[in-house]
Amino acid sequence: MLQKLIAFFMSIVAFFTGLFGGGKKSTKPEMTVQEYSGYVYGQNISYGKDERHLMDMALPADAAGKTIGLVLLIHGGAWIAGSKDIFSQDYLASFARSGYAVAAISYRYLSDSVHMEDLMDDVEAALRMIKYIGAIRGINIEKCLLTGGSAGAHMSLLYAYSRQQSAPIRPVAVVSNCGPTDLTIPAQIENSAIGSTAKMLELVSWATGVTLSEKDYNKKNSQYEKVMAAARAESPLYYADTAVPTVIAHGEKDSVVPYSGAVALDKALTARNIRHDFVSFPNSDHGLDRDPDCTMLVNQLLVQYAAEYLN
């Protein structure tokens, strides 16, 4: 087992590459399933009706008759961009060869008709399909570690903390890389590198399904209070009572997602005696690319959490 973990760790030292977005929207790609040395890999598997309901998945070749854990990878991109394609086949294979099921999903983008709860439904639908595919191959997939960067980290946290009762595969751990923990933070709305205050308010409105104009935001009126209440319902911080073991990785110089949100989550989990590791990147912005020692530590923790909570 130790040799497997060492090999697994060495294969994911580039874990942060591409986590925070990028990739183009798929246009009805062909599904492929092939067997490789040590694993089976399926690409562009449909898990729902929308054209973005696609996932790539890998399973250990020798897992039939076994109970194994799942690592679910969720891409970033401010909930309005990005794709599963940032996670390479080799990266997924590294998990499968270490004995885990693994899947990378695309999901619908936020819009005036698609809200955060719809994205949570997408994660749930993907887990349901993964459970089904595993069962077809005689594999029981019981537990899940969710991980991603930025928006994908937020979705990982929110789903693991708030959807445990309905999850087809039980969330047991999260690794969050610069994930927003509180959508109500003024610094994120007013000073974000993503865009203007108006754009950020539009994003919050899409996430909650309740419109918040700049005028209402500035006045802090009843509409503002209504939207902030809805935003708290989509913020992982406010589900700390039902949190699972969590790795929090965040850059102290993050210009996109305020570092204060990570600090607040650390304090909330500490107060509740919930197992977590807070890795603060002192020199890094949102890309977490200026502190290689911290990157190495988070990769080690990913391996450790997978070994402790999925096996």
Protein backbone atom coordinates (compact mmCIF):
# COMPACT_ATOMS: atom_id res chain seq x y z
CA MET A 1 0.00 0.00 0.00
CA LEU A 2 2.85 2.39 0.84
CA GLN A 3 4.40 1.89 -2.59
CA LYS A 4 1.04 2.62 -4.21
CA LEU A 5 0.67 5.83 -2.22
CA ILE A 6 4.20 6.95 -3.11
CA ALA A 7 3.56 6.29 -6.80
CA PHE A 8 0.23 8.07 -6.55
CA PHE A 9 1.80 11.11 -4.90
CA MET A 10 4.56 11.34 -7.49
CA SER A 11 2.00 11.25 -10.30
CA ILE A 12 0.01 14.27 -9.03
CA VAL A 13 2.71 16.83 -8.26
CA ALA A 14 1.14 18.96 -11.00
CA PHE A 15 -2.25 18.92 -9.27
CA PHE A 16 -2.83 22.67 -9.54
CA THR A 17 -2.30 22.91 -13.30
CA GLY A 18 -5.49 24.09 -14.93
CA LEU A 19 -7.70 23.91 -11.84
CA PHE A 20 -9.03 27.43 -12.09
CA GLY A 21 -10.76 27.45 -15.47
CA GLY A 22 -9.97 27.32 -19.15
CA GLY A 23 -11.21 24.82 -21.67
CA LYS A 24 -13.90 25.26 -24.28
CA LYS A 25 -17.51 24.27 -24.29
CA SER A 26 -18.07 20.83 -25.81
CA THR A 27 -20.29 20.45 -28.86
CA LYS A 28 -21.70 16.93 -28.77
CA PRO A 29 -18.38 15.06 -28.48
CA GLU A 30 -18.31 11.32 -29.07
CA MET A 31 -18.27 9.01 -26.06
CA THR A 32 -15.35 6.59 -25.92
CA VAL A 33 -14.53 3.77 -23.50
CA GLN A 34 -11.20 1.96 -23.59
CA GLU A 35 -9.15 -0.35 -21.39
CA TYR A 36 -5.56 0.52 -20.53
CA SER A 37 -2.91 -0.99 -18.32
CA GLY A 38 -4.41 -1.02 -14.84
CA TYR A 39 -7.57 1.00 -15.56
CA VAL A 40 -10.64 1.53 -17.72
CA TYR A 41 -11.23 5.04 -19.07
CA GLY A 42 -14.43 6.53 -20.43
CA GLN A 43 -14.56 9.97 -22.03
CA ASN A 44 -17.55 12.25 -22.64
CA ILE A 45 -20.01 10.06 -20.75
CA SER A 46 -23.42 11.73 -20.62
CA TYR A 47 -25.00 11.96 -17.18
CA GLY A 48 -27.98 14.19 -18.02
CA LYS A 49 -29.95 15.94 -20.73
CA ASP A 50 -27.92 19.15 -21.13
CA GLU A 51 -25.00 19.24 -23.58
CA ARG A 52 -22.72 20.14 -20.66
CA HIS A 53 -23.78 17.09 -18.67
CA LEU A 54 -20.61 15.21 -19.60
CA MET A 55 -17.90 13.52 -17.58
CA ASP A 56 -14.67 11.61 -17.99
CA MET A 57 -14.22 8.63 -15.69
CA ALA A 58 -11.61 6.03 -14.80
CA LEU A 59 -11.95 2.83 -12.78
CA PRO A 60 -9.32 0.37 -11.56
CA ALA A 61 -9.19 -2.63 -13.89
CA ASP A 62 -9.30 -5.12 -11.00
CA ALA A 63 -12.07 -3.52 -8.91
CA ALA A 64 -14.92 -5.95 -9.70
CA GLY A 65 -16.39 -7.33 -6.49
CA LYS A 66 -14.77 -4.61 -4.38
CA THR A 67 -15.95 -1.54 -2.48
CA ILE A 68 -13.89 1.51 -3.44
CA GLY A 69 -13.94 5.28 -3.00
CA LEU A 70 -14.40 8.03 -5.57
CA VAL A 71 -12.45 11.22 -6.23
CA LEU A 72 -14.68 13.77 -7.97
CA LEU A 73 -12.94 16.60 -9.85
CA ILE A 74 -14.85 19.86 -10.45
CA HIS A 75 -13.37 22.55 -12.70
CA GLY A 76 -13.26 26.27 -11.99
CA GLY A 77 -14.22 29.27 -14.11
CA ALA A 78 -16.46 31.52 -11.98
CA TRP A 79 -19.39 29.11 -12.61
CA ILE A 80 -19.69 30.57 -16.14
CA ALA A 81 -16.67 29.10 -17.94
CA GLY A 82 -14.32 26.13 -17.97
CA SER A 83 -14.58 22.43 -18.71
CA LYS A 84 -13.74 18.96 -17.41
CA ASP A 85 -11.14 18.81 -20.18
CA ILE A 86 -8.57 20.57 -17.96
CA PHE A 87 -8.14 17.23 -16.16
CA SER A 88 -6.03 14.97 -18.36
CA GLN A 89 -6.47 11.24 -18.87
CA ASP A 90 -3.09 10.67 -17.22
CA TYR A 91 -4.24 12.57 -14.15
CA LEU A 92 -7.40 10.49 -13.84
CA ALA A 93 -5.38 7.33 -14.46
CA SER A 94 -3.15 8.15 -11.48
CA PHE A 95 -6.14 7.82 -9.16
CA ALA A 96 -7.52 4.70 -10.83
CA ARG A 97 -4.16 2.92 -10.69
CA SER A 98 -4.10 3.70 -6.97
CA GLY A 99 -7.39 1.89 -6.46
CA TYR A 100 -9.90 4.74 -6.63
CA ALA A 101 -12.75 5.53 -8.96
CA VAL A 102 -12.31 9.03 -10.37
CA ALA A 103 -14.43 11.35 -12.50
CA ALA A 104 -14.11 14.87 -13.87
CA ILE A 105 -17.39 16.61 -14.66
CA SER A 106 -18.61 19.55 -16.69
CA TYR A 107 -21.76 21.24 -15.42
CA ARG A 108 -24.23 23.86 -16.57
CA TYR A 109 -23.13 27.48 -16.38
CA LEU A 110 -24.94 29.93 -14.12
CA SER A 111 -27.42 32.17 -15.95
CA ASP A 112 -30.72 33.91 -15.34
CA SER A 113 -32.37 30.48 -15.63
CA VAL A 114 -29.69 28.22 -14.09
CA HIS A 115 -28.92 28.78 -10.41
CA MET A 116 -26.54 27.30 -7.83
CA GLU A 117 -29.02 24.67 -6.70
CA ASP A 118 -29.17 23.50 -10.32
CA LEU A 119 -25.38 23.08 -10.27
CA MET A 120 -25.74 21.07 -7.06
CA ASP A 121 -28.30 18.92 -8.89
CA ASP A 122 -25.73 18.43 -11.66
CA VAL A 123 -23.18 17.12 -9.16
CA GLU A 124 -25.84 14.80 -7.73
CA ALA A 125 -26.82 13.51 -11.16
CA ALA A 126 -23.16 12.83 -11.99
CA LEU A 127 -22.73 10.89 -8.74
CA ARG A 128 -25.85 8.87 -9.52
CA MET A 129 -24.45 7.94 -12.93
CA ILE A 130 -21.04 7.07 -11.46
CA LYS A 131 -22.72 4.81 -8.89
CA TYR A 132 -24.67 3.12 -11.68
CA ILE A 133 -21.64 2.60 -13.92
CA GLY A 134 -19.72 1.13 -11.01
CA ALA A 135 -22.56 -1.26 -10.24
CA ILE A 136 -22.67 -2.46 -13.85
CA ARG A 137 -19.01 -3.47 -13.50
CA GLY A 138 -19.63 -5.11 -10.12
CA ILE A 139 -18.02 -2.27 -8.16
CA ASN A 140 -19.57 -0.72 -5.07
CA ILE A 141 -18.68 2.99 -4.82
CA GLU A 142 -19.70 4.16 -1.36
CA LYS A 143 -17.67 7.25 -0.42
CA CYS A 144 -16.52 10.37 -2.23
CA LEU A 145 -13.79 13.00 -1.87
CA LEU A 146 -14.65 16.15 -3.82
CA THR A 147 -12.00 18.58 -5.03
CA GLY A 148 -11.52 21.47 -7.41
CA GLY A 149 -10.26 25.00 -7.78
CA SER A 150 -12.08 28.32 -7.38
CA ALA A 151 -15.72 27.80 -8.43
CA GLY A 152 -15.09 24.05 -8.47
CA ALA A 153 -13.81 24.23 -4.91
CA HIS A 154 -16.90 26.18 -3.85
CA MET A 155 -19.14 23.55 -5.44
CA SER A 156 -17.16 20.77 -3.77
CA LEU A 157 -17.55 22.39 -0.36
CA LEU A 158 -21.20 23.30 -0.79
CA TYR A 159 -22.23 19.88 -2.04
CA ALA A 160 -20.27 17.95 0.60
CA TYR A 161 -21.55 20.13 3.42
CA SER A 162 -25.20 20.56 2.37
CA ARG A 163 -26.23 17.52 0.34
CA GLN A 164 -25.13 14.58 2.49
CA GLN A 165 -28.66 13.28 2.96
CA SER A 166 -29.45 13.03 -0.75
CA ALA A 167 -26.00 12.16 -2.14
CA PRO A 168 -25.93 8.86 -4.08
CA ILE A 169 -22.28 8.51 -3.00
CA ARG A 170 -21.58 9.82 0.50
CA PRO A 171 -19.21 12.84 0.69
CA VAL A 172 -16.52 12.19 3.30
CA ALA A 173 -13.84 14.80 2.53
CA VAL A 174 -13.07 17.93 0.47
CA VAL A 175 -9.88 19.51 -0.85
CA SER A 176 -10.62 23.17 -1.65
CA ASN A 177 -8.19 25.26 -3.69
CA CYS A 178 -9.12 28.97 -3.39
CA GLY A 179 -12.81 28.21 -3.11
CA PRO A 180 -15.29 30.97 -2.18
CA THR A 181 -16.79 30.12 1.20
CA ASP A 182 -19.13 33.11 1.62
CA LEU A 183 -20.86 34.73 -1.37
CA THR A 184 -21.84 37.76 0.71
CA ILE A 185 -18.31 39.12 1.29
CA PRO A 186 -18.24 42.78 0.10
CA ALA A 187 -14.61 42.54 -1.03
CA GLN A 188 -15.54 39.81 -3.49
CA ILE A 189 -18.47 41.76 -4.89
CA GLU A 190 -16.83 45.18 -5.04
CA ASN A 191 -13.14 44.50 -5.70
CA SER A 192 -13.06 41.26 -7.66
CA ALA A 193 -10.63 40.73 -10.50
CA ILE A 194 -13.41 38.82 -12.27
CA GLY A 195 -15.25 41.99 -13.21
CA SER A 196 -17.10 45.13 -12.14
CA THR A 197 -19.44 45.35 -9.17
CA ALA A 198 -22.36 45.19 -11.62
CA LYS A 199 -21.00 41.96 -13.10
CA MET A 200 -20.46 40.44 -9.68
CA LEU A 201 -23.97 41.37 -8.62
CA GLU A 202 -25.28 39.70 -11.77
CA LEU A 203 -23.33 36.57 -10.82
CA VAL A 204 -24.77 36.61 -7.29
CA SER A 205 -28.24 37.13 -8.78
CA TRP A 206 -27.76 34.13 -11.07
CA ALA A 207 -26.45 32.01 -8.21
CA THR A 208 -29.40 32.77 -5.96
CA GLY A 209 -32.16 33.26 -8.50
CA VAL A 210 -33.00 36.63 -6.88
CA THR A 211 -32.07 39.86 -8.70
CA LEU A 212 -29.85 42.39 -6.94
CA SER A 213 -29.20 45.72 -8.67
CA GLU A 214 -26.39 48.13 -7.87
CA LYS A 215 -28.97 50.56 -6.52
CA ASP A 216 -30.37 47.96 -4.10
CA TYR A 217 -26.85 46.89 -3.13
CA ASN A 218 -25.75 50.44 -2.36
CA LYS A 219 -28.91 51.22 -0.39
CA LYS A 220 -28.75 47.95 1.59
CA ASN A 221 -32.54 47.81 1.41
CA SER A 222 -35.00 44.93 1.81
CA GLN A 223 -34.14 43.50 -1.62
CA TYR A 224 -30.49 43.49 -0.62
CA GLU A 225 -31.33 41.62 2.59
CA LYS A 226 -33.39 39.10 0.62
CA VAL A 227 -30.54 38.38 -1.77
CA MET A 228 -27.94 38.17 0.99
CA ALA A 229 -30.10 35.60 2.81
CA ALA A 230 -30.31 33.60 -0.41
CA ALA A 231 -26.54 33.96 -0.94
CA ARG A 232 -25.83 32.63 2.53
CA ALA A 233 -27.84 29.53 1.59
CA GLU A 234 -25.34 28.96 -1.26
CA SER A 235 -22.27 29.59 0.91
CA PRO A 236 -20.35 26.66 2.45
CA LEU A 237 -19.41 28.70 5.54
CA TYR A 238 -23.01 28.59 6.77
CA TYR A 239 -23.04 24.77 6.67
CA ALA A 240 -20.06 24.35 8.97
CA ASP A 241 -22.17 22.33 11.41
CA THR A 242 -22.43 19.54 8.83
CA ALA A 243 -18.93 19.89 7.36
CA VAL A 244 -16.72 16.92 6.48
CA PRO A 245 -12.92 16.77 6.87
CA THR A 246 -11.52 19.53 4.69
CA VAL A 247 -8.25 20.80 3.25
CA ILE A 248 -8.38 24.58 2.74
CA ALA A 249 -5.70 25.93 0.37
CA HIS A 250 -5.75 29.67 -0.25
CA GLY A 251 -3.43 32.44 -1.41
CA GLU A 252 -2.98 35.33 1.00
CA LYS A 253 -2.77 37.69 -2.00
CA ASP A 254 -5.83 36.32 -3.78
CA SER A 255 -7.38 39.13 -5.85
CA VAL A 256 -10.39 37.07 -7.00
CA VAL A 257 -11.65 35.20 -3.93
CA PRO A 258 -10.98 37.02 -0.64
CA TYR A 259 -8.54 35.27 1.69
CA SER A 260 -10.81 36.28 4.57
CA GLY A 261 -13.31 33.65 3.47
CA ALA A 262 -10.76 30.89 3.96
CA VAL A 263 -9.85 32.30 7.39
CA ALA A 264 -13.53 32.37 8.36
CA LEU A 265 -14.02 28.73 7.32
CA ASP A 266 -10.89 27.70 9.24
CA LYS A 267 -12.26 29.39 12.37
CA ALA A 268 -15.71 27.84 11.93
CA LEU A 269 -14.33 24.31 11.53
CA THR A 270 -11.93 24.81 14.45
CA ALA A 271 -14.79 25.94 16.69
CA ARG A 272 -16.69 22.77 15.83
CA ASN A 273 -13.68 20.46 16.23
CA ILE A 274 -14.00 19.28 12.63
CA ARG A 275 -10.83 17.79 11.17
CA HIS A 276 -9.26 20.13 8.66
CA ASP A 277 -5.93 21.46 7.41
CA PHE A 278 -5.52 25.11 6.46
CA VAL A 279 -2.62 25.65 4.05
CA SER A 280 -2.00 29.38 3.62
CA PHE A 281 0.04 30.41 0.54
CA PRO A 282 1.81 33.63 1.65
CA ASN A 283 3.07 34.74 -1.77
CA SER A 284 0.32 33.50 -4.09
CA ASP A 285 -2.61 35.11 -5.85
CA HIS A 286 -5.58 33.09 -7.09
CA GLY A 287 -3.44 30.69 -9.12
CA LEU A 288 -1.51 29.36 -6.07
CA ASP A 289 1.66 29.37 -8.17
CA ARG A 290 4.18 31.24 -5.98
CA ASP A 291 4.57 28.83 -3.05
CA PRO A 292 5.86 25.45 -4.29
CA ASP A 293 6.31 24.10 -0.76
CA CYS A 294 2.65 24.79 -0.03
CA THR A 295 1.63 23.17 -3.30
CA MET A 296 3.60 20.07 -2.33
CA LEU A 297 1.93 20.01 1.08
CA VAL A 298 -1.57 20.21 -0.40
CA ASN A 299 -0.75 17.36 -2.77
CA GLN A 300 0.46 15.31 0.19
CA LEU A 301 -2.76 16.09 2.05
CA LEU A 302 -4.85 15.04 -0.95
CA VAL A 303 -3.12 11.66 -0.93
CA GLN A 304 -3.47 11.41 2.85
CA TYR A 305 -7.17 12.33 2.92
CA ALA A 306 -7.93 9.88 0.11
CA ALA A 307 -6.13 7.10 1.97
CA GLU A 308 -7.80 7.90 5.31
CA TYR A 309 -11.36 8.58 4.22
CA LEU A 310 -11.94 6.58 1.03
CA ASN A 311 -10.37 3.24 2.00
